[in-house]
Amino acid sequence: MATTFDPPSSRIQYIDIARIYGLALVYYGHFIESYMKAGSAVAAMHYKFIYSFHMPLFFILSGYIVKESAVNTRLAHYLKKQASSRLVPYLFLSFLLVIPTFWTTDFTVGLELPTAEGYVKGIAATVLAGFPYFNIPTWFLICLFVVEMMHYVALKYLTSHSRIILAAFGFYLIGSILAWNAGFLGPINILAQDGKIFPYFMVLEAFTGYSLYLVGVYFRRKDFLAGEIPVFKSLLGALTCLVLLYYTFDLNKGMFTIPFYDAVVLFASSHGNPILFPLTALIGSILVMLLAKLTTDSKVLVFLGGNTLVIFGLNGVFYHFINDRLARWLLSHHAGNSMQILITGVAVSIVSITLTVPFVFLFNHFLPQWVGKPKRGRTRTSSAGSVKILPNYITAVVLIVPVVIFLFYYNTEMGARRFQPRIYQTSGGKVLVARIKGDPDVTMETAGVTMYSAGRKLKLSPSYITARHSSWNQRDTTPGKDWLVDYYRVLPETSEDLADIQDSSDVSIFYDRHEKTEIAEILHLGRYEEIPHSLEKLGQFIAEKGYRLSGFYEEVYLVFEDIESNPDKYETLLRYQVSR
């Protein structure tokens, strides 16, 4: 048999079980995310709870099992070993999911598929930027690889418990600063349709990931949870962690870098409060580890835990192509209360993981090296007798120069396209609206103050403000003083009430929901008075593509007077709702 239910003796069984529990939370969290995108505020709270600790858990577990002997390993050997167990599966599992995009493109944000241009961008981002367009869940493999490279460098200095703690604090501080500036650093800029590609490789998040990894290293050196622990103590500890987690996870508000996800999202370097984030991450991780200690007798869980890489990567199939449709269908057939969300989410997660098991056997038997395992029947041999065809530095030049040339020309082309019009479908979602009568040139300041004040009271993350005119021709048919403009910003689904925010004589403020809408868009650079010239260009583009104006007109203020003194450098997205 290629894979059995008997684990290798070198593995730590309760860590394997903790992994599969964590992976079950990944499956559950991703399905709950689809419920949330369908408009469920209840699901949004489940999502926030799970995401407060489930990905930090994997970094901690990875640190727990790292071998101290790595410090004596040559860099070339260590790099090869980690690349074969992290990068090869990352590429295999990413490109495996290119296949379904030939007939369905449900969740390929920023890619026009199936087109040659879309595949070039997706493949280039996956290979050259470490951004897994086709299989988003595999971002963790890239980040873990970078974290392990950091640990290789740092390991020889981690000679005491105090040094590990200091290093964890230091890397966490750097990671927090980088995460809070993630919007300015633009690591996920490539999600934009015309976004540029840079060799990102999750470096931004790797600093925070390594701080969590060091927690695992510290736990292992202190023999945390090692050996036999009485069932009563494990249960009591798990219950204590669950209570603490329940009462602390939702305290983390308003400091996330993704305005429409009021939750920790490590993939996007969105952590929230720098004190509460590690607190809940640590409590939740210990909770899962304690639960794992209670179930080490289950061979099924041990088997699944020993094959989490394949199961993890195949989650992309459900995340990209199944979950959204299934969540919308289920939500239309039940009331969407907390218990129904929980039961259906758990059921879908169990079924999804079960469906991956045949592929675990298949890949382990026929393609073991592609999923991070040694090839069957082959023993490791010394490389002393191998012949180098080219010196290392020449090989590096041969590989790097074409990459640099490609990225230069690709990014130059993308930069030029940034100001070109395009037509696409918005994602929709919950929004906070401030409805004000009058010309935006006059009312913009009032809108900005209103949105800022509301954001502070509701503990919302920062976001752009958009001005929407209910009719595309309002600017041409109605005097400016009579324009009715909805200033809005996106919201997380967890937003449910307006606290003590009241309407004023000039402003009506309320929640609304925007549906998915097809729009034509162009980026205007310069003064507001010159917007009509850009709108004329956009109108011509709409006509050439066979569309017509059919609804609202809106302006998204990206760079405006509050952050830029030179009006010639203002950046404003201009959008028309269109239809054929």
Protein backbone atom coordinates (compact mmCIF):
# COMPACT_ATOMS: atom_id res chain seq x y z
CA MET A 1 0.00 0.00 0.00
CA ALA A 2 1.20 3.51 -0.78
CA THR A 3 -0.25 4.94 2.39
CA THR A 4 -1.30 3.17 5.57
CA PHE A 5 -2.95 4.19 8.77
CA ASP A 6 0.23 3.43 10.74
CA PRO A 7 2.24 6.62 11.31
CA PRO A 8 6.04 6.72 11.09
CA SER A 9 7.55 6.36 14.55
CA SER A 10 9.39 9.70 14.20
CA ARG A 11 6.19 11.71 13.99
CA ILE A 12 4.54 13.37 16.99
CA GLN A 13 1.02 11.96 16.83
CA TYR A 14 -0.79 14.67 18.75
CA ILE A 15 0.81 17.33 16.51
CA ASP A 16 -0.46 15.47 13.43
CA ILE A 17 -3.92 15.39 14.98
CA ALA A 18 -3.71 19.08 15.85
CA ARG A 19 -2.89 19.69 12.19
CA ILE A 20 -5.99 17.91 10.93
CA TYR A 21 -8.12 19.78 13.47
CA GLY A 22 -6.59 23.01 12.20
CA LEU A 23 -7.20 21.92 8.63
CA ALA A 24 -10.83 21.15 9.43
CA LEU A 25 -11.07 24.76 10.65
CA VAL A 26 -9.59 25.91 7.32
CA TYR A 27 -12.28 24.01 5.42
CA TYR A 28 -14.97 25.30 7.76
CA GLY A 29 -13.66 28.87 7.66
CA HIS A 30 -13.52 28.94 3.87
CA PHE A 31 -17.06 27.63 3.56
CA ILE A 32 -18.28 30.09 6.18
CA GLU A 33 -16.57 32.83 4.17
CA SER A 34 -18.86 31.93 1.27
CA TYR A 35 -21.87 32.23 3.59
CA MET A 36 -20.52 35.61 4.65
CA LYS A 37 -20.10 36.79 1.05
CA ALA A 38 -23.72 35.76 0.48
CA GLY A 39 -24.71 38.29 3.16
CA SER A 40 -24.83 36.33 6.42
CA ALA A 41 -23.84 38.44 9.44
CA VAL A 42 -24.07 35.29 11.61
CA ALA A 43 -21.52 33.55 9.39
CA ALA A 44 -19.28 36.60 9.62
CA MET A 45 -18.99 36.11 13.38
CA HIS A 46 -18.14 32.41 12.92
CA TYR A 47 -15.52 33.49 10.39
CA LYS A 48 -13.99 36.01 12.77
CA PHE A 49 -13.83 33.41 15.55
CA ILE A 50 -12.08 30.79 13.40
CA TYR A 51 -9.69 33.22 11.74
CA SER A 52 -8.54 34.64 15.06
CA PHE A 53 -6.31 31.58 15.59
CA HIS A 54 -6.49 28.85 12.92
CA MET A 55 -3.62 29.98 10.66
CA PRO A 56 -1.33 31.05 13.55
CA LEU A 57 -1.83 27.48 14.79
CA PHE A 58 -0.06 26.07 11.72
CA PHE A 59 2.99 28.30 12.21
CA ILE A 60 3.20 27.28 15.88
CA LEU A 61 2.91 23.57 15.02
CA SER A 62 5.57 23.92 12.32
CA GLY A 63 7.96 25.47 14.84
CA TYR A 64 7.17 22.72 17.35
CA ILE A 65 8.41 19.93 15.06
CA VAL A 66 11.43 21.66 13.50
CA LYS A 67 14.68 19.72 13.93
CA GLU A 68 17.46 21.46 15.83
CA SER A 69 20.00 19.67 13.64
CA ALA A 70 19.21 22.05 10.80
CA VAL A 71 21.91 24.35 12.16
CA ASN A 72 24.53 21.79 11.05
CA THR A 73 23.09 21.37 7.56
CA ARG A 74 24.72 23.00 4.57
CA LEU A 75 22.62 25.81 3.08
CA ALA A 76 22.42 24.19 -0.36
CA HIS A 77 21.16 20.92 1.11
CA TYR A 78 18.69 22.66 3.43
CA LEU A 79 17.40 24.84 0.60
CA LYS A 80 16.92 21.84 -1.66
CA LYS A 81 15.12 19.89 1.06
CA GLN A 82 12.73 22.71 1.94
CA ALA A 83 12.10 23.56 -1.71
CA SER A 84 11.16 19.93 -2.46
CA SER A 85 8.75 19.80 0.50
CA ARG A 86 7.27 23.32 0.13
CA LEU A 87 7.81 24.86 -3.31
CA VAL A 88 7.27 21.76 -5.45
CA PRO A 89 3.89 20.95 -3.82
CA TYR A 90 2.99 24.65 -4.03
CA LEU A 91 3.54 24.67 -7.79
CA PHE A 92 1.91 21.29 -8.37
CA LEU A 93 -1.22 22.04 -6.34
CA SER A 94 -1.48 25.54 -7.84
CA PHE A 95 -1.23 24.45 -11.45
CA LEU A 96 -3.51 21.48 -10.83
CA LEU A 97 -6.29 24.02 -10.33
CA VAL A 98 -5.60 25.74 -13.64
CA ILE A 99 -7.43 22.85 -15.31
CA PRO A 100 -10.97 23.72 -14.04
CA THR A 101 -10.57 27.34 -15.21
CA PHE A 102 -10.97 26.20 -18.80
CA TRP A 103 -14.70 25.74 -18.17
CA THR A 104 -15.45 27.75 -15.02
CA THR A 105 -13.90 30.93 -13.56
CA ASP A 106 -15.95 31.48 -10.43
CA PHE A 107 -13.22 32.85 -8.19
CA THR A 108 -10.32 34.23 -10.20
CA VAL A 109 -10.29 37.83 -9.01
CA GLY A 110 -8.26 40.12 -11.25
CA LEU A 111 -7.81 37.54 -14.03
CA GLU A 112 -9.64 37.51 -17.34
CA LEU A 113 -10.08 33.81 -18.00
CA PRO A 114 -9.99 31.86 -20.12
CA THR A 115 -7.66 34.19 -22.09
CA ALA A 116 -3.96 33.94 -22.86
CA GLU A 117 -3.36 37.25 -21.09
CA GLY A 118 -5.13 36.03 -17.96
CA TYR A 119 -3.13 32.82 -17.82
CA VAL A 120 0.16 34.67 -18.37
CA LYS A 121 -0.61 36.95 -15.44
CA GLY A 122 -1.82 34.13 -13.18
CA ILE A 123 1.12 31.85 -13.91
CA ALA A 124 3.65 34.69 -13.64
CA ALA A 125 2.23 35.77 -10.29
CA THR A 126 2.25 32.18 -9.01
CA VAL A 127 5.84 31.44 -10.06
CA LEU A 128 7.58 34.81 -9.89
CA ALA A 129 5.70 36.51 -7.02
CA GLY A 130 4.67 33.58 -4.85
CA PHE A 131 1.06 34.70 -5.19
CA PRO A 132 -1.09 31.59 -5.84
CA TYR A 133 -3.82 33.00 -8.05
CA PHE A 134 -5.24 29.61 -8.98
CA ASN A 135 -5.12 28.07 -5.49
CA ILE A 136 -5.22 30.77 -2.81
CA PRO A 137 -4.96 28.40 0.21
CA THR A 138 -1.43 27.37 -0.84
CA TRP A 139 -0.09 30.81 0.15
CA PHE A 140 0.85 29.19 3.45
CA LEU A 141 3.43 26.94 1.76
CA ILE A 142 5.25 29.93 0.30
CA CYS A 143 5.14 31.83 3.59
CA LEU A 144 6.32 28.78 5.54
CA PHE A 145 9.24 28.33 3.15
CA VAL A 146 10.37 31.92 3.79
CA VAL A 147 9.87 31.45 7.54
CA GLU A 148 12.04 28.32 7.46
CA MET A 149 14.77 30.19 5.63
CA MET A 150 14.65 32.83 8.37
CA HIS A 151 14.94 30.11 10.99
CA TYR A 152 17.95 28.56 9.26
CA VAL A 153 19.77 31.88 9.58
CA ALA A 154 18.60 32.61 13.14
CA LEU A 155 18.84 29.12 14.64
CA LYS A 156 22.50 29.26 15.63
CA TYR A 157 21.80 32.36 17.73
CA LEU A 158 18.80 30.84 19.56
CA THR A 159 20.91 29.21 22.25
CA SER A 160 18.62 29.94 25.20
CA HIS A 161 14.94 30.26 26.05
CA SER A 162 15.32 34.00 26.66
CA ARG A 163 16.82 34.51 23.21
CA ILE A 164 13.89 32.70 21.61
CA ILE A 165 11.43 34.93 23.47
CA LEU A 166 13.33 38.10 22.53
CA ALA A 167 13.56 37.00 18.89
CA ALA A 168 9.82 36.24 18.81
CA PHE A 169 9.03 39.70 20.19
CA GLY A 170 11.43 41.36 17.77
CA PHE A 171 10.11 39.64 14.68
CA TYR A 172 6.53 40.24 15.82
CA LEU A 173 7.21 43.95 16.22
CA ILE A 174 8.68 44.16 12.72
CA GLY A 175 5.81 42.08 11.35
CA SER A 176 3.22 44.32 13.01
CA ILE A 177 4.79 47.47 11.57
CA LEU A 178 4.91 45.91 8.11
CA ALA A 179 1.34 44.62 8.39
CA TRP A 180 -0.03 48.00 9.44
CA ASN A 181 1.65 49.52 6.38
CA ALA A 182 0.54 46.71 4.07
CA GLY A 183 -1.78 49.04 2.17
CA PHE A 184 1.09 51.36 1.32
CA LEU A 185 3.51 48.54 0.50
CA GLY A 186 0.88 47.08 -1.85
CA PRO A 187 1.71 43.34 -1.57
CA ILE A 188 -1.66 42.32 -3.02
CA ASN A 189 -1.63 44.98 -5.71
CA ILE A 190 -1.60 42.16 -8.25
CA LEU A 191 -5.22 41.39 -7.35
CA ALA A 192 -6.09 44.46 -9.41
CA GLN A 193 -6.86 43.55 -13.02
CA ASP A 194 -3.93 45.59 -14.29
CA GLY A 195 -1.78 45.20 -11.18
CA LYS A 196 1.97 44.90 -11.43
CA ILE A 197 3.84 41.79 -10.33
CA PHE A 198 6.74 41.97 -7.88
CA PRO A 199 8.69 39.10 -6.25
CA TYR A 200 6.65 39.32 -3.05
CA PHE A 201 6.73 35.67 -1.86
CA MET A 202 4.78 36.49 1.32
CA VAL A 203 7.86 38.15 2.85
CA LEU A 204 5.67 40.81 4.45
CA GLU A 205 3.75 38.24 6.47
CA ALA A 206 6.74 35.98 7.07
CA PHE A 207 8.00 38.18 9.93
CA THR A 208 4.78 37.66 11.87
CA GLY A 209 4.72 34.01 10.82
CA TYR A 210 8.23 33.52 12.14
CA SER A 211 7.35 35.06 15.50
CA LEU A 212 4.59 32.43 15.82
CA TYR A 213 6.95 29.74 14.57
CA LEU A 214 9.34 30.66 17.39
CA VAL A 215 6.50 30.15 19.88
CA GLY A 216 6.36 26.56 18.64
CA VAL A 217 10.14 26.23 18.97
CA TYR A 218 9.89 27.51 22.55
CA PHE A 219 7.05 25.12 23.35
CA ARG A 220 9.08 22.16 22.09
CA ARG A 221 12.21 23.09 24.03
CA LYS A 222 10.09 23.45 27.16
CA ASP A 223 8.40 20.08 26.42
CA PHE A 224 5.02 21.82 26.43
CA LEU A 225 2.24 19.20 26.41
CA ALA A 226 4.84 16.45 25.98
CA GLY A 227 4.27 13.14 27.70
CA GLU A 228 1.10 11.88 29.33
CA ILE A 229 -1.43 14.44 30.60
CA PRO A 230 -4.46 13.40 32.68
CA VAL A 231 -7.69 13.61 30.72
CA PHE A 232 -9.25 15.81 33.38
CA LYS A 233 -6.46 18.39 33.09
CA SER A 234 -6.65 18.41 29.29
CA LEU A 235 -10.42 18.89 29.38
CA LEU A 236 -10.18 21.63 31.98
CA GLY A 237 -7.43 23.41 30.03
CA ALA A 238 -9.34 23.14 26.76
CA LEU A 239 -12.53 24.47 28.35
CA THR A 240 -10.64 27.39 29.91
CA CYS A 241 -9.08 28.26 26.54
CA LEU A 242 -12.47 28.05 24.82
CA VAL A 243 -14.05 30.44 27.32
CA LEU A 244 -11.16 32.90 27.08
CA LEU A 245 -11.24 32.73 23.28
CA TYR A 246 -14.99 33.26 23.16
CA TYR A 247 -14.80 36.40 25.27
CA THR A 248 -11.74 37.93 23.59
CA PHE A 249 -11.90 37.22 19.84
CA ASP A 250 -14.46 39.95 19.07
CA LEU A 251 -12.58 42.58 21.08
CA ASN A 252 -10.17 42.84 18.14
CA LYS A 253 -11.83 45.58 16.07
CA GLY A 254 -11.13 48.49 13.78
CA MET A 255 -7.44 48.02 13.01
CA PHE A 256 -7.69 45.58 10.12
CA THR A 257 -6.19 46.47 6.75
CA ILE A 258 -9.11 44.92 4.83
CA PRO A 259 -12.14 47.15 5.44
CA PHE A 260 -14.78 44.59 4.44
CA TYR A 261 -13.35 41.71 6.53
CA ASP A 262 -13.55 42.55 10.23
CA ALA A 263 -11.26 39.64 11.03
CA VAL A 264 -7.68 38.41 11.09
CA VAL A 265 -6.56 37.47 7.56
CA LEU A 266 -2.86 36.57 7.56
CA PHE A 267 -2.79 36.13 3.78
CA ALA A 268 -3.45 39.88 3.44
CA SER A 269 -1.36 40.89 6.50
CA SER A 270 -4.51 42.00 8.30
CA HIS A 271 -4.05 41.37 12.04
CA GLY A 272 -6.04 44.04 13.82
CA ASN A 273 -5.04 44.98 17.34
CA PRO A 274 -1.34 44.11 17.90
CA ILE A 275 -2.00 42.93 21.48
CA LEU A 276 -5.30 41.10 21.07
CA PHE A 277 -4.24 39.30 17.88
CA PRO A 278 -1.38 37.28 19.42
CA LEU A 279 -3.44 36.72 22.58
CA THR A 280 -6.32 35.02 20.78
CA ALA A 281 -3.93 33.27 18.38
CA LEU A 282 -2.07 31.70 21.30
CA ILE A 283 -5.19 30.77 23.27
CA GLY A 284 -6.86 29.20 20.24
CA SER A 285 -3.74 27.27 19.27
CA ILE A 286 -3.35 25.81 22.78
CA LEU A 287 -7.05 24.87 22.70
CA VAL A 288 -6.54 22.82 19.52
CA MET A 289 -3.35 21.21 20.85
CA LEU A 290 -5.15 20.16 24.05
CA LEU A 291 -8.02 18.68 22.06
CA ALA A 292 -5.46 16.78 20.00
CA LYS A 293 -3.92 15.33 23.16
CA LEU A 294 -7.33 13.92 24.05
CA THR A 295 -7.72 12.01 20.77
CA THR A 296 -4.32 10.45 20.04
CA ASP A 297 -5.84 6.95 19.90
CA SER A 298 -7.63 7.66 16.61
CA LYS A 299 -5.71 6.10 13.72
CA VAL A 300 -7.94 7.85 11.21
CA LEU A 301 -7.06 11.26 12.62
CA VAL A 302 -3.37 10.34 12.75
CA PHE A 303 -3.49 9.26 9.10
CA LEU A 304 -5.25 12.42 8.01
CA GLY A 305 -2.90 14.54 10.10
CA GLY A 306 0.08 12.90 8.40
CA ASN A 307 -1.26 13.89 4.99
CA THR A 308 -2.41 17.42 5.62
CA LEU A 309 -0.37 18.94 2.79
CA VAL A 310 -2.43 17.23 0.09
CA ILE A 311 -5.72 17.84 1.91
CA PHE A 312 -4.70 21.46 2.48
CA GLY A 313 -3.89 22.04 -1.19
CA LEU A 314 -7.09 20.39 -2.42
CA ASN A 315 -9.12 22.82 -0.33
CA GLY A 316 -8.56 25.19 -3.24
CA VAL A 317 -10.98 23.12 -5.34
CA PHE A 318 -13.79 23.84 -2.90
CA TYR A 319 -12.67 27.40 -2.13
CA HIS A 320 -12.56 28.50 -5.77
CA PHE A 321 -15.21 26.43 -7.50
CA ILE A 322 -17.77 24.95 -5.10
CA ASN A 323 -18.25 26.83 -1.83
CA ASP A 324 -19.81 30.04 -3.15
CA ARG A 325 -22.50 28.29 -5.18
CA LEU A 326 -23.25 25.78 -2.45
CA ALA A 327 -23.45 28.48 0.26
CA ARG A 328 -25.89 30.57 -1.78
CA TRP A 329 -28.05 27.51 -2.42
CA LEU A 330 -28.06 26.44 1.23
CA LEU A 331 -28.77 29.96 2.44
CA SER A 332 -31.82 30.06 0.20
CA HIS A 333 -33.12 26.88 1.86
CA HIS A 334 -32.67 27.68 5.55
CA ALA A 335 -33.12 30.65 7.86
CA GLY A 336 -29.40 31.23 8.35
CA ASN A 337 -29.39 31.23 12.15
CA SER A 338 -26.24 30.37 14.06
CA MET A 339 -27.05 26.70 14.61
CA GLN A 340 -27.96 26.11 10.96
CA ILE A 341 -24.78 27.87 9.83
CA LEU A 342 -22.75 25.71 12.24
CA ILE A 343 -24.36 22.38 11.31
CA THR A 344 -24.21 22.91 7.54
CA GLY A 345 -20.69 24.30 7.77
CA VAL A 346 -19.45 21.30 9.75
CA ALA A 347 -21.24 18.85 7.45
CA VAL A 348 -19.83 20.43 4.29
CA SER A 349 -16.32 20.50 5.80
CA ILE A 350 -16.43 16.80 6.77
CA VAL A 351 -17.72 15.76 3.35
CA SER A 352 -15.14 17.94 1.59
CA ILE A 353 -12.22 16.47 3.55
CA THR A 354 -13.55 12.95 2.98
CA LEU A 355 -13.62 13.56 -0.78
CA THR A 356 -9.90 14.39 -0.75
CA VAL A 357 -8.85 11.06 0.81
CA PRO A 358 -8.75 9.07 -2.49
CA PHE A 359 -6.43 11.74 -3.89
CA VAL A 360 -4.16 11.36 -0.85
CA PHE A 361 -3.64 7.68 -1.75
CA LEU A 362 -3.35 8.51 -5.44
CA PHE A 363 -0.74 11.24 -5.06
CA ASN A 364 1.24 9.38 -2.40
CA HIS A 365 1.48 6.31 -4.63
CA PHE A 366 2.07 7.83 -8.07
CA LEU A 367 3.35 11.36 -7.41
CA PRO A 368 4.94 11.37 -3.95
CA GLN A 369 7.68 13.88 -4.81
CA TRP A 370 5.10 16.32 -6.13
CA VAL A 371 3.40 16.43 -2.73
CA GLY A 372 6.54 16.80 -0.64
CA LYS A 373 7.39 13.15 0.04
CA PRO A 374 10.40 11.08 -1.04
CA LYS A 375 10.02 8.88 -4.08
CA ARG A 376 9.13 5.30 -3.17
CA GLY A 377 11.87 2.74 -3.51
CA ARG A 378 14.66 5.27 -3.84
CA THR A 379 17.27 5.73 -1.16
CA ARG A 380 19.12 8.97 -0.64
CA THR A 381 22.59 8.95 -2.09
CA SER A 382 25.53 11.23 -1.70
CA SER A 383 25.90 13.98 -4.25
CA ALA A 384 29.71 13.73 -4.12
CA GLY A 385 29.86 11.93 -7.43
CA SER A 386 27.43 14.21 -9.26
CA VAL A 387 28.72 16.38 -12.08
CA LYS A 388 27.99 20.07 -12.20
CA ILE A 389 27.15 21.17 -15.70
CA LEU A 390 27.49 24.87 -14.88
CA PRO A 391 28.96 26.76 -11.93
CA ASN A 392 26.36 27.98 -9.43
CA TYR A 393 26.75 31.65 -10.27
CA ILE A 394 26.26 31.04 -13.99
CA THR A 395 23.17 28.95 -13.27
CA ALA A 396 21.80 31.78 -11.10
CA VAL A 397 22.39 34.34 -13.86
CA VAL A 398 20.76 32.11 -16.47
CA LEU A 399 17.67 31.78 -14.26
CA ILE A 400 17.43 35.32 -12.89
CA VAL A 401 18.12 37.46 -15.97
CA PRO A 402 15.07 36.25 -17.98
CA VAL A 403 12.88 36.73 -14.89
CA VAL A 404 14.06 40.32 -14.41
CA ILE A 405 13.53 41.10 -18.11
CA PHE A 406 10.04 39.61 -18.08
CA LEU A 407 8.99 41.47 -14.93
CA PHE A 408 10.37 44.75 -16.28
CA TYR A 409 8.45 44.58 -19.53
CA TYR A 410 5.32 43.12 -17.94
CA ASN A 411 5.15 45.81 -15.25
CA THR A 412 5.89 48.55 -17.78
CA GLU A 413 2.96 47.32 -19.85
CA MET A 414 0.70 47.08 -16.79
CA GLY A 415 1.67 50.59 -15.74
CA ALA A 416 0.63 51.92 -19.13
CA ARG A 417 -2.69 50.07 -18.93
CA ARG A 418 -3.52 51.53 -15.54
CA PHE A 419 -5.24 54.51 -17.13
CA GLN A 420 -7.09 52.49 -19.76
CA PRO A 421 -10.86 51.93 -19.39
CA ARG A 422 -12.24 48.50 -18.59
CA ILE A 423 -15.53 46.70 -17.94
CA TYR A 424 -15.95 44.20 -15.12
CA GLN A 425 -18.37 43.01 -12.42
CA THR A 426 -18.19 44.42 -8.88
CA SER A 427 -18.47 41.99 -5.97
CA GLY A 428 -21.24 43.78 -4.04
CA GLY A 429 -21.71 43.62 -0.27
CA LYS A 430 -22.75 45.67 2.76
CA VAL A 431 -22.02 49.42 2.77
CA LEU A 432 -22.36 52.41 5.08
CA VAL A 433 -24.08 55.28 3.26
CA ALA A 434 -24.15 58.99 4.00
CA ARG A 435 -26.74 60.59 1.68
CA ILE A 436 -26.11 64.28 1.11
CA LYS A 437 -27.77 66.77 -1.23
CA GLY A 438 -25.47 69.03 -3.25
CA ASP A 439 -22.41 69.19 -5.49
CA PRO A 440 -19.58 66.90 -4.23
CA ASP A 441 -17.18 69.82 -4.66
CA VAL A 442 -19.09 71.43 -1.79
CA THR A 443 -20.29 68.42 0.23
CA MET A 444 -17.19 66.23 0.05
CA GLU A 445 -15.75 67.69 3.25
CA THR A 446 -18.98 67.00 5.14
CA ALA A 447 -19.03 63.45 3.77
CA GLY A 448 -15.42 62.86 4.81
CA VAL A 449 -16.00 64.10 8.37
CA THR A 450 -19.21 62.04 8.63
CA MET A 451 -17.56 58.84 7.42
CA TYR A 452 -14.52 59.34 9.62
CA SER A 453 -16.67 59.93 12.72
CA ALA A 454 -18.92 56.96 11.94
CA GLY A 455 -15.89 54.77 11.35
CA ARG A 456 -14.44 55.68 14.75
CA LYS A 457 -17.71 55.03 16.59
CA LEU A 458 -18.31 51.73 14.79
CA LYS A 459 -14.63 50.69 15.11
CA LEU A 460 -14.23 50.21 11.37
CA SER A 461 -11.00 49.74 9.46
CA PRO A 462 -9.87 52.56 7.11
CA SER A 463 -11.41 52.57 3.64
CA TYR A 464 -11.82 54.65 0.51
CA ILE A 465 -14.95 56.80 0.14
CA THR A 466 -17.08 56.60 -2.99
CA ALA A 467 -19.63 59.15 -4.22
CA ARG A 468 -22.52 57.52 -6.12
CA HIS A 469 -25.04 59.45 -8.20
CA SER A 470 -28.27 57.47 -8.51
CA SER A 471 -28.53 58.29 -12.22
CA TRP A 472 -25.69 58.37 -14.73
CA ASN A 473 -26.99 61.62 -16.29
CA GLN A 474 -27.68 63.52 -13.06
CA ARG A 475 -24.58 65.63 -13.67
CA ASP A 476 -26.00 66.80 -17.01
CA THR A 477 -29.71 67.14 -16.25
CA THR A 478 -29.83 68.51 -12.68
CA PRO A 479 -28.28 71.63 -11.10
CA GLY A 480 -25.36 70.77 -8.82
CA LYS A 481 -27.10 72.08 -5.71
CA ASP A 482 -29.91 69.56 -6.24
CA TRP A 483 -27.74 66.50 -6.79
CA LEU A 484 -28.50 63.62 -4.44
CA VAL A 485 -25.25 61.80 -3.75
CA ASP A 486 -24.67 58.64 -1.72
CA TYR A 487 -21.21 58.65 -0.16
CA TYR A 488 -20.42 55.12 0.90
CA ARG A 489 -17.71 52.78 2.12
CA VAL A 490 -17.63 48.99 2.27
CA LEU A 491 -18.35 47.22 5.56
CA PRO A 492 -17.75 43.81 7.11
CA GLU A 493 -20.88 41.67 7.43
CA THR A 494 -20.48 41.80 11.22
CA SER A 495 -21.70 45.42 11.21
CA GLU A 496 -25.28 45.27 12.48
CA ASP A 497 -26.27 48.58 14.11
CA LEU A 498 -25.37 52.27 13.93
CA ALA A 499 -24.70 52.63 17.65
CA ASP A 500 -25.73 56.20 18.59
CA ILE A 501 -25.14 57.69 15.12
CA GLN A 502 -28.06 59.95 14.18
CA ASP A 503 -29.11 61.74 10.99
CA SER A 504 -28.54 65.49 10.78
CA SER A 505 -30.32 68.20 8.80
CA ASP A 506 -27.81 67.74 5.96
CA VAL A 507 -26.93 64.05 6.16
CA SER A 508 -28.94 60.83 6.21
CA ILE A 509 -26.80 57.88 7.30
CA PHE A 510 -27.80 54.21 6.97
CA TYR A 511 -26.69 50.70 6.01
CA ASP A 512 -27.37 49.39 2.53
CA ARG A 513 -26.43 46.41 0.40
CA HIS A 514 -24.99 46.68 -3.10
CA GLU A 515 -25.56 43.79 -5.44
CA LYS A 516 -23.09 42.48 -8.01
CA THR A 517 -23.10 44.97 -10.85
CA GLU A 518 -21.41 45.29 -14.23
CA ILE A 519 -19.55 48.58 -14.49
CA ALA A 520 -17.27 50.48 -16.86
CA GLU A 521 -14.35 52.17 -15.13
CA ILE A 522 -11.48 54.52 -15.91
CA LEU A 523 -8.81 56.00 -13.64
CA HIS A 524 -8.69 59.80 -13.86
CA LEU A 525 -5.40 61.49 -12.98
CA GLY A 526 -5.58 65.20 -12.22
CA ARG A 527 -7.97 67.94 -11.24
CA TYR A 528 -11.68 67.36 -10.72
CA GLU A 529 -12.50 70.02 -13.33
CA GLU A 530 -10.92 67.77 -15.97
CA ILE A 531 -13.11 64.76 -15.14
CA PRO A 532 -15.47 65.38 -18.12
CA HIS A 533 -12.58 64.64 -20.51
CA SER A 534 -12.03 61.23 -18.91
CA LEU A 535 -15.77 60.56 -18.91
CA GLU A 536 -15.90 61.29 -22.63
CA LYS A 537 -13.15 58.72 -23.21
CA LEU A 538 -14.99 56.21 -21.01
CA GLY A 539 -18.25 56.82 -22.90
CA GLN A 540 -16.56 56.10 -26.22
CA PHE A 541 -15.09 52.90 -24.82
CA ILE A 542 -18.52 51.76 -23.58
CA ALA A 543 -20.07 52.33 -27.01
CA GLU A 544 -17.23 50.51 -28.78
CA LYS A 545 -17.74 47.46 -26.58
CA GLY A 546 -21.46 47.33 -27.34
CA TYR A 547 -22.65 48.45 -23.88
CA ARG A 548 -24.95 51.25 -22.79
CA LEU A 549 -25.32 53.35 -19.63
CA SER A 550 -28.02 51.83 -17.45
CA GLY A 551 -27.86 53.11 -13.89
CA PHE A 552 -25.63 54.95 -11.46
CA TYR A 553 -22.47 56.98 -11.89
CA GLU A 554 -19.86 57.08 -9.13
CA GLU A 555 -16.46 58.46 -8.23
CA VAL A 556 -13.97 56.67 -5.95
CA TYR A 557 -11.48 59.07 -4.37
CA LEU A 558 -8.13 57.28 -4.15
CA VAL A 559 -5.81 60.27 -3.88
CA PHE A 560 -7.55 63.51 -2.89
CA GLU A 561 -7.02 66.83 -1.14
CA ASP A 562 -6.64 65.38 2.37
CA ILE A 563 -3.55 63.38 1.38
CA GLU A 564 -2.19 65.28 -1.63
CA SER A 565 -1.73 69.05 -1.96
CA ASN A 566 -1.14 69.03 -5.73
CA PRO A 567 -4.47 68.73 -7.61
CA ASP A 568 -2.64 67.43 -10.69
CA LYS A 569 -1.81 64.26 -8.72
CA TYR A 570 -5.37 63.47 -7.59
CA GLU A 571 -6.50 59.96 -8.58
CA THR A 572 -10.21 59.26 -8.99
CA LEU A 573 -11.90 56.13 -10.31
CA LEU A 574 -14.87 57.03 -12.53
CA ARG A 575 -17.55 54.38 -12.93
CA TYR A 576 -20.76 53.93 -14.90
CA GLN A 577 -23.21 51.09 -14.41
CA VAL A 578 -23.59 49.45 -17.82
CA SER A 579 -25.50 46.70 -19.57
CA ARG A 580 -25.79 45.31 -23.07
